[in-house]
PDB file of N, CA and C in Angstrom:
ATOM      1  N   UNK A   1      -7.111  -2.723 -18.450  1.00  0.00           N
ATOM      2  CA  UNK A   1      -6.960  -1.770 -17.374  1.00  0.00           C
ATOM      3  C   UNK A   1      -6.636  -0.413 -17.989  1.00  0.00           C
ATOM      4  N   UNK A   2      -7.316   0.614 -17.505  1.00  0.00           N
ATOM      5  CA  UNK A   2      -7.011   1.982 -17.912  1.00  0.00           C
ATOM      6  C   UNK A   2      -5.794   2.465 -17.131  1.00  0.00           C
ATOM      7  N   UNK A   3      -4.849   3.055 -17.801  1.00  0.00           N
ATOM      8  CA  UNK A   3      -3.658   3.574 -17.129  1.00  0.00           C
ATOM      9  C   UNK A   3      -3.866   5.070 -16.902  1.00  0.00           C
ATOM     10  N   UNK A   4      -4.750   5.389 -15.964  1.00  0.00           N
ATOM     11  CA  UNK A   4      -5.087   6.777 -15.692  1.00  0.00           C
ATOM     12  C   UNK A   4      -5.119   7.045 -14.196  1.00  0.00           C
ATOM     13  N   UNK A   5      -5.380   8.292 -13.850  1.00  0.00           N
ATOM     14  CA  UNK A   5      -5.371   8.720 -12.449  1.00  0.00           C
ATOM     15  C   UNK A   5      -6.399   7.969 -11.618  1.00  0.00           C
ATOM     16  N   UNK A   6      -7.586   7.774 -12.149  1.00  0.00           N
ATOM     17  CA  UNK A   6      -8.650   7.084 -11.402  1.00  0.00           C
ATOM     18  C   UNK A   6      -8.225   5.652 -11.062  1.00  0.00           C
ATOM     19  N   UNK A   7      -7.632   4.967 -11.994  1.00  0.00           N
ATOM     20  CA  UNK A   7      -7.164   3.609 -11.757  1.00  0.00           C
ATOM     21  C   UNK A   7      -6.010   3.613 -10.762  1.00  0.00           C
ATOM     22  N   UNK A   8      -5.111   4.585 -10.899  1.00  0.00           N
ATOM     23  CA  UNK A   8      -3.985   4.678  -9.964  1.00  0.00           C
ATOM     24  C   UNK A   8      -4.492   4.870  -8.543  1.00  0.00           C
ATOM     25  N   UNK A   9      -5.473   5.744  -8.349  1.00  0.00           N
ATOM     26  CA  UNK A   9      -6.029   5.970  -7.015  1.00  0.00           C
ATOM     27  C   UNK A   9      -6.712   4.711  -6.475  1.00  0.00           C
ATOM     28  N   UNK A  10      -7.375   3.968  -7.349  1.00  0.00           N
ATOM     29  CA  UNK A  10      -8.017   2.717  -6.926  1.00  0.00           C
ATOM     30  C   UNK A  10      -6.965   1.687  -6.515  1.00  0.00           C
ATOM     31  N   UNK A  11      -5.866   1.633  -7.242  1.00  0.00           N
ATOM     32  CA  UNK A  11      -4.784   0.704  -6.908  1.00  0.00           C
ATOM     33  C   UNK A  11      -4.109   1.089  -5.598  1.00  0.00           C
ATOM     34  N   UNK A  12      -3.946   2.386  -5.372  1.00  0.00           N
ATOM     35  CA  UNK A  12      -3.374   2.856  -4.105  1.00  0.00           C
ATOM     36  C   UNK A  12      -4.284   2.426  -2.955  1.00  0.00           C
ATOM     37  N   UNK A  13      -5.590   2.612  -3.129  1.00  0.00           N
ATOM     38  CA  UNK A  13      -6.545   2.212  -2.089  1.00  0.00           C
ATOM     39  C   UNK A  13      -6.506   0.701  -1.871  1.00  0.00           C
ATOM     40  N   UNK A  14      -6.346  -0.052  -2.939  1.00  0.00           N
ATOM     41  CA  UNK A  14      -6.252  -1.512  -2.844  1.00  0.00           C
ATOM     42  C   UNK A  14      -5.006  -1.917  -2.043  1.00  0.00           C
ATOM     43  N   UNK A  15      -3.899  -1.245  -2.303  1.00  0.00           N
ATOM     44  CA  UNK A  15      -2.668  -1.520  -1.561  1.00  0.00           C
ATOM     45  C   UNK A  15      -2.796  -1.153  -0.091  1.00  0.00           C
ATOM     46  N   UNK A  16      -3.443  -0.018   0.189  1.00  0.00           N
ATOM     47  CA  UNK A  16      -3.654   0.395   1.578  1.00  0.00           C
ATOM     48  C   UNK A  16      -4.525  -0.623   2.314  1.00  0.00           C
ATOM     49  N   UNK A  17      -5.563  -1.103   1.654  1.00  0.00           N
ATOM     50  CA  UNK A  17      -6.454  -2.098   2.268  1.00  0.00           C
ATOM     51  C   UNK A  17      -5.700  -3.393   2.542  1.00  0.00           C
ATOM     52  N   UNK A  18      -4.839  -3.780   1.626  1.00  0.00           N
ATOM     53  CA  UNK A  18      -4.054  -5.004   1.818  1.00  0.00           C
ATOM     54  C   UNK A  18      -3.141  -4.868   3.034  1.00  0.00           C
ATOM     55  N   UNK A  19      -2.506  -3.713   3.185  1.00  0.00           N
ATOM     56  CA  UNK A  19      -1.627  -3.502   4.336  1.00  0.00           C
ATOM     57  C   UNK A  19      -2.435  -3.504   5.626  1.00  0.00           C
ATOM     58  N   UNK A  20      -3.605  -2.897   5.597  1.00  0.00           N
ATOM     59  CA  UNK A  20      -4.464  -2.863   6.785  1.00  0.00           C
ATOM     60  C   UNK A  20      -4.916  -4.269   7.172  1.00  0.00           C
ATOM     61  N   UNK A  21      -5.036  -5.151   6.191  1.00  0.00           N
ATOM     62  CA  UNK A  21      -5.427  -6.540   6.449  1.00  0.00           C
ATOM     63  C   UNK A  21      -4.250  -7.398   6.893  1.00  0.00           C
ATOM     64  N   UNK A  22      -3.054  -6.798   6.927  1.00  0.00           N
ATOM     65  CA  UNK A  22      -1.878  -7.534   7.376  1.00  0.00           C
ATOM     66  C   UNK A  22      -1.141  -8.269   6.267  1.00  0.00           C
ATOM     67  N   UNK A  23      -1.506  -8.000   5.017  1.00  0.00           N
ATOM     68  CA  UNK A  23      -0.813  -8.664   3.910  1.00  0.00           C
ATOM     69  C   UNK A  23       0.605  -8.103   3.771  1.00  0.00           C
ATOM     70  N   UNK A  24       1.579  -8.955   3.473  1.00  0.00           N
ATOM     71  CA  UNK A  24       2.944  -8.471   3.270  1.00  0.00           C
ATOM     72  C   UNK A  24       3.062  -7.732   1.935  1.00  0.00           C
ATOM     73  N   UNK A  25       4.093  -6.939   1.793  1.00  0.00           N
ATOM     74  CA  UNK A  25       4.264  -6.161   0.563  1.00  0.00           C
ATOM     75  C   UNK A  25       4.446  -7.046  -0.668  1.00  0.00           C
ATOM     76  N   UNK A  26       4.967  -8.245  -0.478  1.00  0.00           N
ATOM     77  CA  UNK A  26       5.158  -9.129  -1.631  1.00  0.00           C
ATOM     78  C   UNK A  26       3.875  -9.862  -2.032  1.00  0.00           C
ATOM     79  N   UNK A  27       2.766  -9.515  -1.410  1.00  0.00           N
ATOM     80  CA  UNK A  27       1.477 -10.100  -1.788  1.00  0.00           C
ATOM     81  C   UNK A  27       0.833  -9.334  -2.944  1.00  0.00           C
ATOM     82  N   UNK A  28       1.559  -8.403  -3.518  1.00  0.00           N
ATOM     83  CA  UNK A  28       1.042  -7.608  -4.625  1.00  0.00           C
ATOM     84  C   UNK A  28       0.581  -8.532  -5.757  1.00  0.00           C
ATOM     85  N   UNK A  29      -0.668  -8.355  -6.210  1.00  0.00           N
ATOM     86  CA  UNK A  29      -1.173  -9.227  -7.264  1.00  0.00           C
ATOM     87  C   UNK A  29      -0.700  -8.852  -8.668  1.00  0.00           C
ATOM     88  N   UNK A  30       0.135  -7.841  -8.771  1.00  0.00           N
ATOM     89  CA  UNK A  30       0.603  -7.374 -10.081  1.00  0.00           C
ATOM     90  C   UNK A  30       2.093  -7.667 -10.229  1.00  0.00           C
ATOM     91  N   UNK A  31       2.515  -7.931 -11.442  1.00  0.00           N
ATOM     92  CA  UNK A  31       3.903  -8.288 -11.737  1.00  0.00           C
ATOM     93  C   UNK A  31       4.687  -7.032 -12.104  1.00  0.00           C
ATOM     94  N   UNK A  32       5.657  -6.672 -11.276  1.00  0.00           N
ATOM     95  CA  UNK A  32       6.419  -5.451 -11.528  1.00  0.00           C
ATOM     96  C   UNK A  32       7.298  -5.563 -12.776  1.00  0.00           C
ATOM     97  N   UNK A  33       7.505  -6.775 -13.272  1.00  0.00           N
ATOM     98  CA  UNK A  33       8.320  -6.972 -14.467  1.00  0.00           C
ATOM     99  C   UNK A  33       7.476  -7.344 -15.682  1.00  0.00           C
ATOM    100  N   UNK A  34       6.157  -7.312 -15.532  1.00  0.00           N
ATOM    101  CA  UNK A  34       5.264  -7.708 -16.614  1.00  0.00           C
ATOM    102  C   UNK A  34       5.073  -6.607 -17.649  1.00  0.00           C
ATOM    103  N   UNK A  35       3.951  -6.699 -18.351  1.00  0.00           N
ATOM    104  CA  UNK A  35       3.642  -5.700 -19.372  1.00  0.00           C
ATOM    105  C   UNK A  35       3.315  -4.359 -18.714  1.00  0.00           C
ATOM    106  N   UNK A  36       3.012  -3.353 -19.499  1.00  0.00           N
ATOM    107  CA  UNK A  36       2.783  -1.999 -18.983  1.00  0.00           C
ATOM    108  C   UNK A  36       1.658  -1.969 -17.949  1.00  0.00           C
ATOM    109  N   UNK A  37       0.587  -2.709 -18.175  1.00  0.00           N
ATOM    110  CA  UNK A  37      -0.523  -2.728 -17.225  1.00  0.00           C
ATOM    111  C   UNK A  37      -0.105  -3.340 -15.891  1.00  0.00           C
ATOM    112  N   UNK A  38       0.644  -4.427 -15.946  1.00  0.00           N
ATOM    113  CA  UNK A  38       1.118  -5.077 -14.725  1.00  0.00           C
ATOM    114  C   UNK A  38       2.087  -4.166 -13.962  1.00  0.00           C
ATOM    115  N   UNK A  39       2.978  -3.511 -14.669  1.00  0.00           N
ATOM    116  CA  UNK A  39       3.922  -2.596 -14.032  1.00  0.00           C
ATOM    117  C   UNK A  39       3.191  -1.422 -13.385  1.00  0.00           C
ATOM    118  N   UNK A  40       2.197  -0.890 -14.068  1.00  0.00           N
ATOM    119  CA  UNK A  40       1.387   0.200 -13.542  1.00  0.00           C
ATOM    120  C   UNK A  40       0.670  -0.255 -12.267  1.00  0.00           C
ATOM    121  N   UNK A  41       0.054  -1.425 -12.322  1.00  0.00           N
ATOM    122  CA  UNK A  41      -0.636  -1.963 -11.157  1.00  0.00           C
ATOM    123  C   UNK A  41       0.304  -2.172  -9.993  1.00  0.00           C
ATOM    124  N   UNK A  42       1.450  -2.730 -10.258  1.00  0.00           N
ATOM    125  CA  UNK A  42       2.436  -2.980  -9.214  1.00  0.00           C
ATOM    126  C   UNK A  42       2.922  -1.684  -8.588  1.00  0.00           C
ATOM    127  N   UNK A  43       3.218  -0.706  -9.417  1.00  0.00           N
ATOM    128  CA  UNK A  43       3.749   0.561  -8.918  1.00  0.00           C
ATOM    129  C   UNK A  43       2.769   1.230  -7.953  1.00  0.00           C
ATOM    130  N   UNK A  44       1.504   1.332  -8.342  1.00  0.00           N
ATOM    131  CA  UNK A  44       0.547   2.056  -7.511  1.00  0.00           C
ATOM    132  C   UNK A  44       0.014   1.222  -6.354  1.00  0.00           C
ATOM    133  N   UNK A  45      -0.091  -0.084  -6.507  1.00  0.00           N
ATOM    134  CA  UNK A  45      -0.488  -0.943  -5.389  1.00  0.00           C
ATOM    135  C   UNK A  45       0.575  -0.857  -4.300  1.00  0.00           C
ATOM    136  N   UNK A  46       1.844  -0.949  -4.716  1.00  0.00           N
ATOM    137  CA  UNK A  46       2.955  -0.890  -3.761  1.00  0.00           C
ATOM    138  C   UNK A  46       3.042   0.483  -3.111  1.00  0.00           C
ATOM    139  N   UNK A  47       2.776   1.522  -3.869  1.00  0.00           N
ATOM    140  CA  UNK A  47       2.774   2.873  -3.308  1.00  0.00           C
ATOM    141  C   UNK A  47       1.712   2.982  -2.208  1.00  0.00           C
ATOM    142  N   UNK A  48       0.529   2.447  -2.450  1.00  0.00           N
ATOM    143  CA  UNK A  48      -0.525   2.464  -1.445  1.00  0.00           C
ATOM    144  C   UNK A  48      -0.147   1.665  -0.218  1.00  0.00           C
ATOM    145  N   UNK A  49       0.434   0.478  -0.427  1.00  0.00           N
ATOM    146  CA  UNK A  49       0.849  -0.370   0.689  1.00  0.00           C
ATOM    147  C   UNK A  49       1.897   0.350   1.531  1.00  0.00           C
ATOM    148  N   UNK A  50       2.888   0.945   0.875  1.00  0.00           N
ATOM    149  CA  UNK A  50       3.963   1.644   1.585  1.00  0.00           C
ATOM    150  C   UNK A  50       3.439   2.852   2.348  1.00  0.00           C
ATOM    151  N   UNK A  51       2.526   3.591   1.737  1.00  0.00           N
ATOM    152  CA  UNK A  51       1.946   4.754   2.401  1.00  0.00           C
ATOM    153  C   UNK A  51       1.198   4.335   3.653  1.00  0.00           C
ATOM    154  N   UNK A  52       0.419   3.269   3.556  1.00  0.00           N
ATOM    155  CA  UNK A  52      -0.327   2.783   4.716  1.00  0.00           C
ATOM    156  C   UNK A  52       0.607   2.286   5.807  1.00  0.00           C
ATOM    157  N   UNK A  53       1.668   1.613   5.430  1.00  0.00           N
ATOM    158  CA  UNK A  53       2.618   1.118   6.431  1.00  0.00           C
ATOM    159  C   UNK A  53       3.312   2.276   7.140  1.00  0.00           C
ATOM    160  N   UNK A  54       3.721   3.275   6.380  1.00  0.00           N
ATOM    161  CA  UNK A  54       4.370   4.442   6.980  1.00  0.00           C
ATOM    162  C   UNK A  54       3.429   5.150   7.954  1.00  0.00           C
ATOM    163  N   UNK A  55       2.176   5.284   7.568  1.00  0.00           N
ATOM    164  CA  UNK A  55       1.193   5.932   8.439  1.00  0.00           C
ATOM    165  C   UNK A  55       0.980   5.117   9.715  1.00  0.00           C
ATOM    166  N   UNK A  56       0.939   3.802   9.591  1.00  0.00           N
ATOM    167  CA  UNK A  56       0.752   2.944  10.761  1.00  0.00           C
ATOM    168  C   UNK A  56       1.955   3.028  11.690  1.00  0.00           C
ATOM    169  N   UNK A  57       3.144   3.027  11.122  1.00  0.00           N
ATOM    170  CA  UNK A  57       4.361   3.137  11.945  1.00  0.00           C
ATOM    171  C   UNK A  57       4.436   4.498  12.621  1.00  0.00           C
ATOM    172  N   UNK A  58       4.055   5.535  11.917  1.00  0.00           N
ATOM    173  CA  UNK A  58       4.077   6.879  12.484  1.00  0.00           C
ATOM    174  C   UNK A  58       3.063   6.988  13.622  1.00  0.00           C
ATOM    175  N   UNK A  59       1.907   6.374  13.457  1.00  0.00           N
ATOM    176  CA  UNK A  59       0.891   6.405  14.509  1.00  0.00           C
ATOM    177  C   UNK A  59       1.385   5.676  15.757  1.00  0.00           C
ATOM    178  N   UNK A  60       2.142   4.605  15.576  1.00  0.00           N
ATOM    179  CA  UNK A  60       2.677   3.868  16.717  1.00  0.00           C
ATOM    180  C   UNK A  60       3.715   4.686  17.475  1.00  0.00           C
ATOM    181  N   UNK A  61       4.582   5.362  16.746  1.00  0.00           N
ATOM    182  CA  UNK A  61       5.623   6.137  17.422  1.00  0.00           C
ATOM    183  C   UNK A  61       5.071   7.431  18.005  1.00  0.00           C
ATOM    184  N   UNK A  62       3.982   7.943  17.461  1.00  0.00           N
ATOM    185  CA  UNK A  62       3.385   9.178  17.953  1.00  0.00           C
ATOM    186  C   UNK A  62       2.492   8.928  19.171  1.00  0.00           C
ATOM    187  N   UNK A  63       2.087   7.686  19.384  1.00  0.00           N
ATOM    188  CA  UNK A  63       1.231   7.368  20.523  1.00  0.00           C
ATOM    189  C   UNK A  63       2.025   7.579  21.804  1.00  0.00           C
ATOM    190  N   UNK A  64       1.421   8.238  22.786  1.00  0.00           N
ATOM    191  CA  UNK A  64       2.145   8.469  24.037  1.00  0.00           C
ATOM    192  C   UNK A  64       2.399   7.149  24.781  1.00  0.00           C
ATOM    193  N   UNK A  65       3.581   7.020  25.296  1.00  0.00           N
ATOM    194  CA  UNK A  65       3.934   5.820  26.063  1.00  0.00           C
ATOM    195  C   UNK A  65       3.310   5.915  27.456  1.00  0.00           C
ATOM    196  N   UNK A  66       2.803   4.810  27.903  1.00  0.00           N
ATOM    197  CA  UNK A  66       2.214   4.802  29.248  1.00  0.00           C
ATOM    198  C   UNK A  66       3.219   4.207  30.231  1.00  0.00           C
ATOM    199  N   UNK A  67       3.131   4.641  31.463  1.00  0.00           N
ATOM    200  CA  UNK A  67       4.056   4.164  32.485  1.00  0.00           C
ATOM    201  C   UNK A  67       3.622   2.813  33.031  1.00  0.00           C
ATOM    202  N   UNK A  68       2.414   2.396  32.714  1.00  0.00           N
ATOM    203  CA  UNK A  68       1.928   1.101  33.185  1.00  0.00           C
ATOM    204  C   UNK A  68       1.451   1.109  34.627  1.00  0.00           C
ATOM    205  N   UNK A  69       1.150   2.273  35.131  1.00  0.00           N
ATOM    206  CA  UNK A  69       0.675   2.364  36.519  1.00  0.00           C
ATOM    207  C   UNK A  69      -0.810   2.328  36.591  1.00  0.00           C
TER     208      UNK A  69
END
């Protein structure tokens, strides 16, 4: 694995896709305590997952509430 910006962006996108599919944050396929490549993968996958979750939560709270009438 290349430890560069392009790979980081791909890992972020992978994490965002996992969150969109309903995968939990602990479904990360990378070991945060592993070697440098695993730590890099874990860091950016989790960053993508967290970003997607925050965006989804923000969209829910920003949606106007309906009165149900």
